[in-house]
Amino acid sequence: MQLTQTSTALAKDTLEGLTSKTKRLSSKYFYDESGSKIFQQIMRMPEYYLTDCEYEIFYKQAHSIIGKANPDKIALEIIELGAGDGIKTKLLIKELFRQKIDFRYIPIDISEEILFGMAANMQKEFNELKVAPKAGDYFDMMEEIERYSETPKLILFLGSNIGNFTLDESVEFLSHLHRIIHPQDRLLIGFDLKKSPEVILKAYNDKYGLTRDFNLNLLKRLNEELGANFNLDNFEHAPLYDPQNGVAKSYLVSTCEQTVVFSALNRAIRFSKWETIYTEQSQKYDTEMIHNLAELSGFEVEKNFTDTQSYFMNSLWKPKQ
């Protein structure tokens, strides 16, 4: 089996994760074509409150968000990290057109198929939209854009994607972003807030089995891209929420002793009965945590925007001078 560039990185991270003392797989590999389609279904579930709450913020407060981020109505570049389907972003784009602000939309995503499909749909919906999709690593693309453009930027990192990082990883990621951007740029970042553990768990263990399928799809991807022979029936989806630390975690649990062979890697990995694979974390925040994270990363909070239930927050940051 010939490995692609993406599969080579997947192979390296998979071997490192599955040979460590506590087995793990990186959540960044959830979003192949199948995983992305399942996640689109998850976002439409009533239990998955995150999408609806962030959509409500943009629907009701897009005018205030754009007004605070760009009070002088100057030309902007809107850069979205991990663009997804762009449904929420459309509300900001509509508001930019309504306020007659000159702007260019630059979505960045590692998945070319999803990225260019979304960009084409955006162009179809907004005939006058200037859109320049860029497929690749966030930081590589950001550095390229900042190197050649002095236009002020509003950078979007939505959907609580930051919650997939540990605190140290979040600070490292945001500090790197801070080093790249210019003083006039702004960052709008999505945070899932702490709330009832029952509400949170329902979002990660739904009755339709979509979150289970999303988690198991990671093993299916390893079968397809690395020639593994995972039997998906031998693993269970196991989510949990720790309210003390505000962290939701997802695991896959081996229900039997088994050995999985990776033909493309000429390796075999043994699993004990009830052994876990840690696949994802989703950090939940409060306002103090958000302000501390901004401070540690070289930013300061300009304004926070929340939904009516206070389930979700979009926080507008500016670089500290």
C-alpha atoms as a PDB file:
ATOM      1  CA  MET A   1       0.000   0.000   0.000  1.00  0.00           C
ATOM      2  CA  GLN A   2       1.404   3.388  -1.089  1.00  0.00           C
ATOM      3  CA  LEU A   3       1.120   6.033   1.639  1.00  0.00           C
ATOM      4  CA  THR A   4       0.140   9.598   0.722  1.00  0.00           C
ATOM      5  CA  GLN A   5       1.668  12.608   2.471  1.00  0.00           C
ATOM      6  CA  THR A   6      -1.384  12.818   4.745  1.00  0.00           C
ATOM      7  CA  SER A   7      -1.269   9.070   5.441  1.00  0.00           C
ATOM      8  CA  THR A   8       2.439   9.279   6.308  1.00  0.00           C
ATOM      9  CA  ALA A   9       1.661  11.830   9.042  1.00  0.00           C
ATOM     10  CA  LEU A  10      -1.301   9.695  10.128  1.00  0.00           C
ATOM     11  CA  ALA A  11       0.967   6.640  10.307  1.00  0.00           C
ATOM     12  CA  LYS A  12       3.579   8.430  12.417  1.00  0.00           C
ATOM     13  CA  ASP A  13       1.023   9.800  14.882  1.00  0.00           C
ATOM     14  CA  THR A  14      -0.884   6.501  15.037  1.00  0.00           C
ATOM     15  CA  LEU A  15       2.192   4.408  15.797  1.00  0.00           C
ATOM     16  CA  GLU A  16       3.328   6.876  18.432  1.00  0.00           C
ATOM     17  CA  GLY A  17      -0.123   6.956  20.023  1.00  0.00           C
ATOM     18  CA  LEU A  18      -0.904   3.228  19.982  1.00  0.00           C
ATOM     19  CA  THR A  19       2.525   2.184  21.281  1.00  0.00           C
ATOM     20  CA  SER A  20       2.464   4.609  24.211  1.00  0.00           C
ATOM     21  CA  LYS A  21       1.691   3.345  27.727  1.00  0.00           C
ATOM     22  CA  THR A  22      -1.811   4.810  27.537  1.00  0.00           C
ATOM     23  CA  LYS A  23      -3.063   4.341  23.977  1.00  0.00           C
ATOM     24  CA  ARG A  24      -4.362   7.409  22.152  1.00  0.00           C
ATOM     25  CA  LEU A  25      -5.297   8.643  18.683  1.00  0.00           C
ATOM     26  CA  SER A  26      -5.263  12.267  17.589  1.00  0.00           C
ATOM     27  CA  SER A  27      -8.668  13.902  17.162  1.00  0.00           C
ATOM     28  CA  LYS A  28      -7.340  15.896  14.175  1.00  0.00           C
ATOM     29  CA  TYR A  29      -7.793  12.735  12.086  1.00  0.00           C
ATOM     30  CA  PHE A  30     -11.543  12.515  12.742  1.00  0.00           C
ATOM     31  CA  TYR A  31     -12.333  14.655   9.736  1.00  0.00           C
ATOM     32  CA  ASP A  32     -11.842  12.553   6.637  1.00  0.00           C
ATOM     33  CA  GLU A  33     -14.719  12.617   4.152  1.00  0.00           C
ATOM     34  CA  SER A  34     -16.810  10.087   6.105  1.00  0.00           C
ATOM     35  CA  GLY A  35     -16.038  11.659   9.464  1.00  0.00           C
ATOM     36  CA  SER A  36     -16.940  15.120   8.201  1.00  0.00           C
ATOM     37  CA  LYS A  37     -20.289  13.866   6.906  1.00  0.00           C
ATOM     38  CA  ILE A  38     -21.079  12.245  10.256  1.00  0.00           C
ATOM     39  CA  PHE A  39     -20.095  15.434  12.068  1.00  0.00           C
ATOM     40  CA  GLN A  40     -22.468  17.450   9.857  1.00  0.00           C
ATOM     41  CA  GLN A  41     -25.246  15.139  11.100  1.00  0.00           C
ATOM     42  CA  ILE A  42     -24.088  15.563  14.705  1.00  0.00           C
ATOM     43  CA  MET A  43     -24.303  19.342  14.383  1.00  0.00           C
ATOM     44  CA  ARG A  44     -27.957  19.033  13.369  1.00  0.00           C
ATOM     45  CA  MET A  45     -28.897  17.014  16.464  1.00  0.00           C
ATOM     46  CA  PRO A  46     -30.945  18.932  19.062  1.00  0.00           C
ATOM     47  CA  GLU A  47     -28.665  17.457  21.755  1.00  0.00           C
ATOM     48  CA  TYR A  48     -25.594  19.010  20.146  1.00  0.00           C
ATOM     49  CA  TYR A  49     -26.298  22.466  21.523  1.00  0.00           C
ATOM     50  CA  LEU A  50     -22.955  23.996  20.487  1.00  0.00           C
ATOM     51  CA  THR A  51     -23.894  24.706  16.867  1.00  0.00           C
ATOM     52  CA  ASP A  52     -27.320  26.171  17.663  1.00  0.00           C
ATOM     53  CA  CYS A  53     -25.935  28.383  20.433  1.00  0.00           C
ATOM     54  CA  GLU A  54     -23.119  29.794  18.312  1.00  0.00           C
ATOM     55  CA  TYR A  55     -25.528  30.260  15.410  1.00  0.00           C
ATOM     56  CA  GLU A  56     -27.839  32.217  17.729  1.00  0.00           C
ATOM     57  CA  ILE A  57     -24.965  34.496  18.757  1.00  0.00           C
ATOM     58  CA  PHE A  58     -24.191  35.334  15.125  1.00  0.00           C
ATOM     59  CA  TYR A  59     -27.857  35.603  14.156  1.00  0.00           C
ATOM     60  CA  LYS A  60     -28.654  38.083  16.933  1.00  0.00           C
ATOM     61  CA  GLN A  61     -25.320  39.843  17.423  1.00  0.00           C
ATOM     62  CA  ALA A  62     -23.495  39.878  14.068  1.00  0.00           C
ATOM     63  CA  HIS A  63     -23.988  43.664  13.896  1.00  0.00           C
ATOM     64  CA  SER A  64     -22.334  44.130  17.313  1.00  0.00           C
ATOM     65  CA  ILE A  65     -19.523  41.677  16.538  1.00  0.00           C
ATOM     66  CA  ILE A  66     -18.581  43.402  13.286  1.00  0.00           C
ATOM     67  CA  GLY A  67     -19.043  46.834  14.872  1.00  0.00           C
ATOM     68  CA  LYS A  68     -16.652  45.993  17.709  1.00  0.00           C
ATOM     69  CA  ALA A  69     -14.119  44.214  15.500  1.00  0.00           C
ATOM     70  CA  ASN A  70     -14.143  46.902  12.796  1.00  0.00           C
ATOM     71  CA  PRO A  71     -15.580  50.168  14.195  1.00  0.00           C
ATOM     72  CA  ASP A  72     -14.157  52.291  11.351  1.00  0.00           C
ATOM     73  CA  LYS A  73     -15.651  50.040   8.639  1.00  0.00           C
ATOM     74  CA  ILE A  74     -12.309  49.723   6.861  1.00  0.00           C
ATOM     75  CA  ALA A  75     -11.442  46.984   4.334  1.00  0.00           C
ATOM     76  CA  LEU A  76     -10.893  43.596   5.975  1.00  0.00           C
ATOM     77  CA  GLU A  77      -9.717  40.093   5.335  1.00  0.00           C
ATOM     78  CA  ILE A  78     -11.837  37.458   7.085  1.00  0.00           C
ATOM     79  CA  ILE A  79      -9.673  34.410   7.753  1.00  0.00           C
ATOM     80  CA  GLU A  80     -11.392  31.292   9.054  1.00  0.00           C
ATOM     81  CA  LEU A  81      -9.299  28.500  10.568  1.00  0.00           C
ATOM     82  CA  GLY A  82     -11.059  25.169  10.039  1.00  0.00           C
ATOM     83  CA  ALA A  83     -13.875  26.481   7.884  1.00  0.00           C
ATOM     84  CA  GLY A  84     -16.189  23.432   7.938  1.00  0.00           C
ATOM     85  CA  ASP A  85     -19.524  24.050   6.228  1.00  0.00           C
ATOM     86  CA  GLY A  86     -19.514  27.827   6.775  1.00  0.00           C
ATOM     87  CA  ILE A  87     -23.149  28.010   7.944  1.00  0.00           C
ATOM     88  CA  LYS A  88     -22.416  30.329  10.878  1.00  0.00           C
ATOM     89  CA  THR A  89     -19.877  32.342   8.917  1.00  0.00           C
ATOM     90  CA  LYS A  90     -22.556  33.208   6.359  1.00  0.00           C
ATOM     91  CA  LEU A  91     -24.280  35.329   8.999  1.00  0.00           C
ATOM     92  CA  LEU A  92     -21.136  37.434   9.445  1.00  0.00           C
ATOM     93  CA  ILE A  93     -20.693  37.683   5.678  1.00  0.00           C
ATOM     94  CA  LYS A  94     -24.266  38.928   5.271  1.00  0.00           C
ATOM     95  CA  GLU A  95     -23.627  41.557   7.934  1.00  0.00           C
ATOM     96  CA  LEU A  96     -20.418  42.701   6.242  1.00  0.00           C
ATOM     97  CA  PHE A  97     -22.325  43.173   2.987  1.00  0.00           C
ATOM     98  CA  ARG A  98     -25.134  44.949   4.848  1.00  0.00           C
ATOM     99  CA  GLN A  99     -22.643  47.399   6.367  1.00  0.00           C
ATOM    100  CA  LYS A 100     -21.030  47.862   2.918  1.00  0.00           C
ATOM    101  CA  ILE A 101     -17.596  46.845   4.210  1.00  0.00           C
ATOM    102  CA  ASP A 102     -15.060  45.826   1.569  1.00  0.00           C
ATOM    103  CA  PHE A 103     -13.685  42.403   2.504  1.00  0.00           C
ATOM    104  CA  ARG A 104     -12.161  39.190   1.236  1.00  0.00           C
ATOM    105  CA  TYR A 105     -12.981  35.790   2.748  1.00  0.00           C
ATOM    106  CA  ILE A 106     -10.063  33.369   3.176  1.00  0.00           C
ATOM    107  CA  PRO A 107     -11.102  29.985   4.606  1.00  0.00           C
ATOM    108  CA  ILE A 108      -8.273  27.637   5.629  1.00  0.00           C
ATOM    109  CA  ASP A 109      -8.698  23.901   6.094  1.00  0.00           C
ATOM    110  CA  ILE A 110      -6.537  20.819   5.803  1.00  0.00           C
ATOM    111  CA  SER A 111      -9.226  18.967   3.796  1.00  0.00           C
ATOM    112  CA  GLU A 112      -9.205  20.219   0.193  1.00  0.00           C
ATOM    113  CA  GLU A 113     -12.471  18.519  -0.759  1.00  0.00           C
ATOM    114  CA  ILE A 114     -14.446  20.040   2.105  1.00  0.00           C
ATOM    115  CA  LEU A 115     -12.746  23.420   1.742  1.00  0.00           C
ATOM    116  CA  PHE A 116     -13.274  23.932  -1.974  1.00  0.00           C
ATOM    117  CA  GLY A 117     -16.803  22.536  -1.822  1.00  0.00           C
ATOM    118  CA  MET A 118     -17.697  25.031   0.913  1.00  0.00           C
ATOM    119  CA  ALA A 119     -16.017  27.898  -0.981  1.00  0.00           C
ATOM    120  CA  ALA A 120     -17.972  27.043  -4.128  1.00  0.00           C
ATOM    121  CA  ASN A 121     -21.245  27.051  -2.163  1.00  0.00           C
ATOM    122  CA  MET A 122     -20.354  30.424  -0.630  1.00  0.00           C
ATOM    123  CA  GLN A 123     -19.597  31.867  -4.053  1.00  0.00           C
ATOM    124  CA  LYS A 124     -22.899  30.565  -5.355  1.00  0.00           C
ATOM    125  CA  GLU A 125     -24.843  32.147  -2.491  1.00  0.00           C
ATOM    126  CA  PHE A 126     -22.965  35.467  -2.548  1.00  0.00           C
ATOM    127  CA  ASN A 127     -22.239  36.467  -6.148  1.00  0.00           C
ATOM    128  CA  GLU A 128     -20.070  39.421  -5.131  1.00  0.00           C
ATOM    129  CA  LEU A 129     -18.046  37.513  -2.540  1.00  0.00           C
ATOM    130  CA  LYS A 130     -14.270  37.583  -2.968  1.00  0.00           C
ATOM    131  CA  VAL A 131     -13.195  34.194  -1.668  1.00  0.00           C
ATOM    132  CA  ALA A 132      -9.686  32.709  -1.688  1.00  0.00           C
ATOM    133  CA  PRO A 133      -9.617  29.249  -0.046  1.00  0.00           C
ATOM    134  CA  LYS A 134      -6.258  27.915   1.139  1.00  0.00           C
ATOM    135  CA  ALA A 135      -5.702  24.225   1.841  1.00  0.00           C
ATOM    136  CA  GLY A 136      -2.956  23.405   4.307  1.00  0.00           C
ATOM    137  CA  ASP A 137      -1.592  23.925   7.790  1.00  0.00           C
ATOM    138  CA  TYR A 138      -3.134  26.883   9.637  1.00  0.00           C
ATOM    139  CA  PHE A 139       0.158  28.499  10.539  1.00  0.00           C
ATOM    140  CA  ASP A 140       1.808  27.983   7.148  1.00  0.00           C
ATOM    141  CA  MET A 141      -1.163  29.596   5.427  1.00  0.00           C
ATOM    142  CA  MET A 142      -1.415  32.406   8.003  1.00  0.00           C
ATOM    143  CA  GLU A 143       2.269  33.249   7.681  1.00  0.00           C
ATOM    144  CA  GLU A 144       1.918  33.389   3.900  1.00  0.00           C
ATOM    145  CA  ILE A 145      -1.117  35.701   4.110  1.00  0.00           C
ATOM    146  CA  GLU A 146       0.445  38.019   6.702  1.00  0.00           C
ATOM    147  CA  ARG A 147       3.682  38.190   4.708  1.00  0.00           C
ATOM    148  CA  TYR A 148       1.979  39.512   1.585  1.00  0.00           C
ATOM    149  CA  SER A 149      -0.954  41.479   2.993  1.00  0.00           C
ATOM    150  CA  GLU A 150      -1.076  44.451   5.368  1.00  0.00           C
ATOM    151  CA  THR A 151      -4.891  44.531   5.284  1.00  0.00           C
ATOM    152  CA  PRO A 152      -6.384  44.245   8.813  1.00  0.00           C
ATOM    153  CA  LYS A 153      -7.751  40.793   9.526  1.00  0.00           C
ATOM    154  CA  LEU A 154     -10.573  39.276  11.525  1.00  0.00           C
ATOM    155  CA  ILE A 155      -9.485  35.703  12.267  1.00  0.00           C
ATOM    156  CA  LEU A 156     -12.245  33.212  13.078  1.00  0.00           C
ATOM    157  CA  PHE A 157     -11.610  30.090  15.154  1.00  0.00           C
ATOM    158  CA  LEU A 158     -15.142  28.925  15.816  1.00  0.00           C
ATOM    159  CA  GLY A 159     -17.112  25.930  17.029  1.00  0.00           C
ATOM    160  CA  SER A 160     -15.130  25.407  20.264  1.00  0.00           C
ATOM    161  CA  ASN A 161     -12.248  23.886  18.293  1.00  0.00           C
ATOM    162  CA  ILE A 162      -9.912  25.315  20.925  1.00  0.00           C
ATOM    163  CA  GLY A 163     -11.510  22.924  23.411  1.00  0.00           C
ATOM    164  CA  ASN A 164      -9.795  19.962  21.722  1.00  0.00           C
ATOM    165  CA  PHE A 165      -6.470  21.221  23.106  1.00  0.00           C
ATOM    166  CA  THR A 166      -5.101  20.900  26.623  1.00  0.00           C
ATOM    167  CA  LEU A 167      -4.309  24.191  28.398  1.00  0.00           C
ATOM    168  CA  ASP A 168      -0.632  23.959  27.457  1.00  0.00           C
ATOM    169  CA  GLU A 169      -1.504  23.131  23.841  1.00  0.00           C
ATOM    170  CA  SER A 170      -4.003  26.018  23.735  1.00  0.00           C
ATOM    171  CA  VAL A 171      -1.411  28.499  24.997  1.00  0.00           C
ATOM    172  CA  GLU A 172       1.156  27.175  22.507  1.00  0.00           C
ATOM    173  CA  PHE A 173      -1.319  27.381  19.601  1.00  0.00           C
ATOM    174  CA  LEU A 174      -2.589  30.870  20.438  1.00  0.00           C
ATOM    175  CA  SER A 175       0.886  32.204  21.263  1.00  0.00           C
ATOM    176  CA  HIS A 176       2.065  31.006  17.844  1.00  0.00           C
ATOM    177  CA  LEU A 177      -0.895  32.791  16.263  1.00  0.00           C
ATOM    178  CA  HIS A 178      -0.039  35.929  18.260  1.00  0.00           C
ATOM    179  CA  ARG A 179       3.514  35.889  16.862  1.00  0.00           C
ATOM    180  CA  ILE A 180       2.197  35.766  13.294  1.00  0.00           C
ATOM    181  CA  ILE A 181      -0.538  38.404  13.275  1.00  0.00           C
ATOM    182  CA  HIS A 182      -0.321  42.193  13.143  1.00  0.00           C
ATOM    183  CA  PRO A 183      -1.383  44.627  15.925  1.00  0.00           C
ATOM    184  CA  GLN A 184      -4.485  45.736  13.980  1.00  0.00           C
ATOM    185  CA  ASP A 185      -5.765  42.153  13.575  1.00  0.00           C
ATOM    186  CA  ARG A 186      -8.521  40.676  15.725  1.00  0.00           C
ATOM    187  CA  LEU A 187      -9.349  37.093  16.747  1.00  0.00           C
ATOM    188  CA  LEU A 188     -12.901  35.806  17.282  1.00  0.00           C
ATOM    189  CA  ILE A 189     -12.749  32.503  19.100  1.00  0.00           C
ATOM    190  CA  GLY A 190     -15.517  30.111  20.176  1.00  0.00           C
ATOM    191  CA  PHE A 191     -15.705  28.599  23.678  1.00  0.00           C
ATOM    192  CA  ASP A 192     -18.114  26.009  25.022  1.00  0.00           C
ATOM    193  CA  LEU A 193     -19.049  27.091  28.548  1.00  0.00           C
ATOM    194  CA  LYS A 194     -19.427  24.971  31.690  1.00  0.00           C
ATOM    195  CA  LYS A 195     -22.992  23.836  32.295  1.00  0.00           C
ATOM    196  CA  SER A 196     -25.034  20.883  33.562  1.00  0.00           C
ATOM    197  CA  PRO A 197     -23.043  17.636  33.137  1.00  0.00           C
ATOM    198  CA  GLU A 198     -26.207  15.961  31.836  1.00  0.00           C
ATOM    199  CA  VAL A 199     -26.528  18.492  29.002  1.00  0.00           C
ATOM    200  CA  ILE A 200     -22.873  18.025  28.057  1.00  0.00           C
ATOM    201  CA  LEU A 201     -22.948  14.213  28.104  1.00  0.00           C
ATOM    202  CA  LYS A 202     -26.011  14.065  25.851  1.00  0.00           C
ATOM    203  CA  ALA A 203     -24.064  16.002  23.225  1.00  0.00           C
ATOM    204  CA  TYR A 204     -21.274  13.383  23.226  1.00  0.00           C
ATOM    205  CA  ASN A 205     -23.348  10.224  23.685  1.00  0.00           C
ATOM    206  CA  ASP A 206     -26.504  10.740  21.653  1.00  0.00           C
ATOM    207  CA  LYS A 207     -29.373   8.264  21.363  1.00  0.00           C
ATOM    208  CA  TYR A 208     -28.975   8.111  17.566  1.00  0.00           C
ATOM    209  CA  GLY A 209     -25.465   6.655  17.808  1.00  0.00           C
ATOM    210  CA  LEU A 210     -23.890   9.405  15.690  1.00  0.00           C
ATOM    211  CA  THR A 211     -21.162  10.323  18.183  1.00  0.00           C
ATOM    212  CA  ARG A 212     -20.380   6.603  18.525  1.00  0.00           C
ATOM    213  CA  ASP A 213     -20.122   6.285  14.721  1.00  0.00           C
ATOM    214  CA  PHE A 214     -17.952   9.420  14.583  1.00  0.00           C
ATOM    215  CA  ASN A 215     -15.525   7.964  17.134  1.00  0.00           C
ATOM    216  CA  LEU A 216     -15.424   4.515  15.498  1.00  0.00           C
ATOM    217  CA  ASN A 217     -14.897   6.082  12.069  1.00  0.00           C
ATOM    218  CA  LEU A 218     -11.352   6.862  13.214  1.00  0.00           C
ATOM    219  CA  LEU A 219     -10.632   3.115  13.257  1.00  0.00           C
ATOM    220  CA  LYS A 220     -12.312   2.721   9.873  1.00  0.00           C
ATOM    221  CA  ARG A 221      -9.981   5.393   8.497  1.00  0.00           C
ATOM    222  CA  LEU A 222      -6.961   3.476   9.813  1.00  0.00           C
ATOM    223  CA  ASN A 223      -8.263   0.372   8.044  1.00  0.00           C
ATOM    224  CA  GLU A 224      -8.595   2.252   4.763  1.00  0.00           C
ATOM    225  CA  GLU A 225      -5.418   4.341   4.839  1.00  0.00           C
ATOM    226  CA  LEU A 226      -2.966   2.207   6.813  1.00  0.00           C
ATOM    227  CA  GLY A 227      -4.213  -1.263   5.912  1.00  0.00           C
ATOM    228  CA  ALA A 228      -5.271  -2.020   9.485  1.00  0.00           C
ATOM    229  CA  ASN A 229      -7.764  -4.769  10.273  1.00  0.00           C
ATOM    230  CA  PHE A 230      -9.740  -3.243  13.143  1.00  0.00           C
ATOM    231  CA  ASN A 231     -13.032  -5.046  13.763  1.00  0.00           C
ATOM    232  CA  LEU A 232     -15.268  -2.130  14.781  1.00  0.00           C
ATOM    233  CA  ASP A 233     -17.633  -4.515  16.581  1.00  0.00           C
ATOM    234  CA  ASN A 234     -14.836  -5.197  19.086  1.00  0.00           C
ATOM    235  CA  PHE A 235     -14.780  -1.615  20.354  1.00  0.00           C
ATOM    236  CA  GLU A 236     -17.227   0.488  22.359  1.00  0.00           C
ATOM    237  CA  HIS A 237     -17.651   4.267  22.400  1.00  0.00           C
ATOM    238  CA  ALA A 238     -17.153   5.549  25.963  1.00  0.00           C
ATOM    239  CA  PRO A 239     -17.615   9.278  26.698  1.00  0.00           C
ATOM    240  CA  LEU A 240     -17.393  10.866  30.140  1.00  0.00           C
ATOM    241  CA  TYR A 241     -17.460  14.340  31.674  1.00  0.00           C
ATOM    242  CA  ASP A 242     -15.376  15.575  34.601  1.00  0.00           C
ATOM    243  CA  PRO A 243     -17.265  18.601  36.010  1.00  0.00           C
ATOM    244  CA  GLN A 244     -14.481  19.496  38.447  1.00  0.00           C
ATOM    245  CA  ASN A 245     -12.018  20.166  35.623  1.00  0.00           C
ATOM    246  CA  GLY A 246     -14.642  20.923  32.981  1.00  0.00           C
ATOM    247  CA  VAL A 247     -13.367  18.310  30.533  1.00  0.00           C
ATOM    248  CA  ALA A 248     -15.417  15.965  28.338  1.00  0.00           C
ATOM    249  CA  LYS A 249     -13.383  12.994  27.092  1.00  0.00           C
ATOM    250  CA  SER A 250     -14.052  10.256  24.551  1.00  0.00           C
ATOM    251  CA  TYR A 251     -12.534   6.795  24.519  1.00  0.00           C
ATOM    252  CA  LEU A 252     -12.760   3.649  22.451  1.00  0.00           C
ATOM    253  CA  VAL A 253     -12.694   0.527  24.627  1.00  0.00           C
ATOM    254  CA  SER A 254     -11.509  -2.872  23.440  1.00  0.00           C
ATOM    255  CA  THR A 255     -14.134  -5.463  24.452  1.00  0.00           C
ATOM    256  CA  CYS A 256     -11.774  -8.422  24.025  1.00  0.00           C
ATOM    257  CA  GLU A 257      -8.126  -9.374  23.762  1.00  0.00           C
ATOM    258  CA  GLN A 258      -7.119  -8.773  20.172  1.00  0.00           C
ATOM    259  CA  THR A 259      -4.232  -7.953  17.872  1.00  0.00           C
ATOM    260  CA  VAL A 260      -4.614  -5.439  15.063  1.00  0.00           C
ATOM    261  CA  VAL A 261      -2.280  -5.696  12.076  1.00  0.00           C
ATOM    262  CA  PHE A 262      -1.268  -2.606  10.069  1.00  0.00           C
ATOM    263  CA  SER A 263      -0.230  -4.066   6.708  1.00  0.00           C
ATOM    264  CA  ALA A 264       1.055  -0.731   5.342  1.00  0.00           C
ATOM    265  CA  LEU A 265       3.342  -0.358   8.368  1.00  0.00           C
ATOM    266  CA  ASN A 266       4.332  -4.000   8.858  1.00  0.00           C
ATOM    267  CA  ARG A 267       3.329  -3.660  12.502  1.00  0.00           C
ATOM    268  CA  ALA A 268       0.887  -5.325  14.865  1.00  0.00           C
ATOM    269  CA  ILE A 269      -0.635  -3.751  17.972  1.00  0.00           C
ATOM    270  CA  ARG A 270      -2.033  -5.813  20.830  1.00  0.00           C
ATOM    271  CA  PHE A 271      -5.074  -4.727  22.854  1.00  0.00           C
ATOM    272  CA  SER A 272      -6.051  -6.140  26.239  1.00  0.00           C
ATOM    273  CA  LYS A 273      -9.684  -6.691  27.146  1.00  0.00           C
ATOM    274  CA  TRP A 274     -11.177  -3.347  28.336  1.00  0.00           C
ATOM    275  CA  GLU A 275      -8.073  -1.423  27.310  1.00  0.00           C
ATOM    276  CA  THR A 276      -8.842   2.132  26.208  1.00  0.00           C
ATOM    277  CA  ILE A 277      -7.848   4.380  23.315  1.00  0.00           C
ATOM    278  CA  TYR A 278      -8.124   8.054  24.234  1.00  0.00           C
ATOM    279  CA  THR A 279      -9.487   9.851  21.161  1.00  0.00           C
ATOM    280  CA  GLU A 280     -10.676  13.316  22.116  1.00  0.00           C
ATOM    281  CA  GLN A 281     -11.047  15.916  24.822  1.00  0.00           C
ATOM    282  CA  SER A 282     -13.379  18.893  24.815  1.00  0.00           C
ATOM    283  CA  GLN A 283     -12.579  21.534  27.404  1.00  0.00           C
ATOM    284  CA  LYS A 284     -15.437  23.589  28.840  1.00  0.00           C
ATOM    285  CA  TYR A 285     -14.669  27.102  30.067  1.00  0.00           C
ATOM    286  CA  ASP A 286     -15.873  29.874  32.321  1.00  0.00           C
ATOM    287  CA  THR A 287     -15.219  33.589  31.804  1.00  0.00           C
ATOM    288  CA  GLU A 288     -12.237  33.666  34.146  1.00  0.00           C
ATOM    289  CA  MET A 289     -10.570  30.810  32.258  1.00  0.00           C
ATOM    290  CA  ILE A 290     -11.096  32.619  28.947  1.00  0.00           C
ATOM    291  CA  HIS A 291      -9.523  35.833  30.231  1.00  0.00           C
ATOM    292  CA  ASN A 292      -6.594  33.875  31.703  1.00  0.00           C
ATOM    293  CA  LEU A 293      -6.050  32.038  28.417  1.00  0.00           C
ATOM    294  CA  ALA A 294      -6.003  35.331  26.513  1.00  0.00           C
ATOM    295  CA  GLU A 295      -3.494  36.771  28.997  1.00  0.00           C
ATOM    296  CA  LEU A 296      -1.191  33.739  28.822  1.00  0.00           C
ATOM    297  CA  SER A 297      -1.248  33.829  25.001  1.00  0.00           C
ATOM    298  CA  GLY A 298      -0.435  37.527  24.529  1.00  0.00           C
ATOM    299  CA  PHE A 299      -3.990  38.752  23.915  1.00  0.00           C
ATOM    300  CA  GLU A 300      -6.597  40.730  25.786  1.00  0.00           C
ATOM    301  CA  VAL A 301     -10.362  40.307  25.623  1.00  0.00           C
ATOM    302  CA  GLU A 302     -12.199  43.178  23.926  1.00  0.00           C
ATOM    303  CA  LYS A 303     -15.732  41.818  24.282  1.00  0.00           C
ATOM    304  CA  ASN A 304     -17.576  38.558  24.968  1.00  0.00           C
ATOM    305  CA  PHE A 305     -20.776  37.544  23.192  1.00  0.00           C
ATOM    306  CA  THR A 306     -23.021  34.806  24.638  1.00  0.00           C
ATOM    307  CA  ASP A 307     -26.265  33.060  23.696  1.00  0.00           C
ATOM    308  CA  THR A 308     -29.455  33.469  25.749  1.00  0.00           C
ATOM    309  CA  GLN A 309     -28.783  30.266  27.757  1.00  0.00           C
ATOM    310  CA  SER A 310     -25.134  31.192  28.444  1.00  0.00           C
ATOM    311  CA  TYR A 311     -24.096  27.843  26.998  1.00  0.00           C
ATOM    312  CA  PHE A 312     -21.569  29.234  24.519  1.00  0.00           C
ATOM    313  CA  MET A 313     -19.322  32.268  24.120  1.00  0.00           C
ATOM    314  CA  ASN A 314     -17.628  33.969  21.183  1.00  0.00           C
ATOM    315  CA  SER A 315     -14.784  36.051  22.556  1.00  0.00           C
ATOM    316  CA  LEU A 316     -13.203  38.901  20.570  1.00  0.00           C
ATOM    317  CA  TRP A 317      -9.497  39.309  21.284  1.00  0.00           C
ATOM    318  CA  LYS A 318      -6.838  41.801  20.268  1.00  0.00           C
ATOM    319  CA  PRO A 319      -3.053  41.367  20.521  1.00  0.00           C
ATOM    320  CA  LYS A 320      -1.461  43.050  23.528  1.00  0.00           C
ATOM    321  CA  GLN A 321       1.159  45.599  22.551  1.00  0.00           C
END
